[in-house]
Amino acid sequence: MSDAIRRAVLLVVVIAVIVGVGLADAGRGGGGGSPAGPGGSSASADGVGHNDAESSAWFCTGGTGAGGNAKPTLVLTNPTPRAVTGTVTTTAAATGGQASGGARSIPVTVPRYDQAAVDPAPGVSGGGLASTVVFDGGGVGVSQVVTGPLGYSVAPCASRTAGNWYFADGSTAGNDTLSLSLFNPGRTTSVVDVSFVTPTNGLLAPPAYQGVDIPGGSLVFENVGDHVRNASDVATVVTTLSGTVVAAELQSAGQPGNGGPSVVLGAPQPSPAWSFAQNMDVTGADTMFHLFNPTGERARVTLTIGLQQGAAEPLAISVPAMSVSVLDAGRVTRIPSNTPFSATFSSRGGPGIVVSRSLSSVAGSPAPQVGEVAGVPGGSDRWLVPATNDPATSVSALAVVDMSAAAVTVRLAEVSATGPVVVAGFGERRLRPGIPLVVRPGPGTASGTASATGPVIGGEPLVVMATGPVAVACDAAPVGNAGVVVFPALRLP
């Protein structure tokens, strides 16, 4: 059989498998659908439930009511062959010493092979909001878009609660404000301690944040700057003394015209490996990686820099116990300017870490100009990427990086109205370990339209399928620079 015929037969088989099982098993590699590699799913809280589950739940927090800095829209993505119904229940944060505002519930339906956008609290204004989304089945992913005067941000919602949450970075310096959202979707009271770590002051445990009671079904929304003032690098640790919660941070940086909001879901625990599939050290901008070691022993971290052309030597970084280290990409000579690169941080054999990236754009760029993004802990062989949602108008690039020690093969399926289909113009690509694959829809190509230089990306949800663990990032536009806003890829079972 010739190579051309063999490839044609393989493509037909791939399409048949994907359509026939409704994405239940397509593209499943040696990992069996479970996040492979260090860290796995234990350091992640954004996993989609199995299609055949009787019910599933997601928890979204970090946004604010109308008139605040981050009005939320919930994005419900259903790649399954059946419609799913559910309920969105939203509560407002406690204000003025009063209990959380009364919960509001609205019904939702997500058609099969489709995506729906929901305003969780129409007409609600003011402070923090939190929502619980309960479906009558599994297989549906939920993410959150927040908008405000500084621009917009996108983050995954949480598919589970946890007893601990970690954040690698935040800022209360200058005009920056940092809010911590603590949501208890359960029925009994949770008791929480919150501590902070900064490069200059070390560990801080403000008395006001120790033993915080969070009744069931309520939200506490704290201004970190009230107790950690004028700090440009703030890591946060949330520890429950009883019960579990969901924690997110809302960073509002700068001012309109030179700023941006960032909603960041915390990590339930440190991980030995974190990846950023696409980065770019743009001239005149700042790309900073924040490495937080919340453990009692020193972490010896290796940064692997993946380039599409050429190679860069790994970089060794030492992060002392209970401390934050900041890496400025512009000061690392082995990282070329204005060139896409992947960054994978590994602490194998030592304590786990938490890593995030902050990025500021060149002056005069489209809003938002500033953004904070959490890294991807470990990898998975199947990812669900939501379609773009207003105010994002397109996708600038989809990036995939191989997290394993061996080469993997990657395929893309678009979740169209008639079912999943292989993305035209992509086929399958082979990735070497640590080397990024950056797929662009083509210069000037609007969301969901084909081009002569790239496949269709952004108009419909995507499923990324690999034969081994990979990390995925999808950059939204318009933004100041690539990486300011990243659409979250959600782990599929």
Foldseek 3Di string as FASTA:
>chain_A
DDPVVVLVVVQVVLQCVCFVQLNQCRQAAPVRQWFDDWPTCQFPFFAWDHQAAQKFKWKDWAAFFPPDAWQKKKKKFASGQAKKKWKKKKWAADPPPHFIHDIDIDIDIAGHLGMDIHRRDPPDHDGIMMIMIMIRGTRMFMKMWIHHLQGIFIDGTGRDWAQKFKDQWAFQADPKWKKKKKAAQAAAKWFKFKWKAAQVPFIGGDPVRHRDIAHHGHMHIDTPCVPVPNGGTIMMMMGIPDDTIWMWMWMWDDGHQWTAIEIGTTTNFFIQKWKDQKDAAAPQKWKKKKKFAAAQAKFWKWKAKAAPDDGFDIDIDIAGHRHMDMDIPVPPVSHDHGGIIMIMIGRPPDGGIWMKMWMAFHGPFDPPRIAIGGTDHGFGQKWKFFADDPPFWAWAKKKKAAADQAKKKKWKWFSDPVHTHTWPPCSIDIHGHRHMDIFGQDPPDTAQDHDPRGTHPRPGMMMMGMNHTMAMWIFTDDHRDTPRYTGDIGRYD
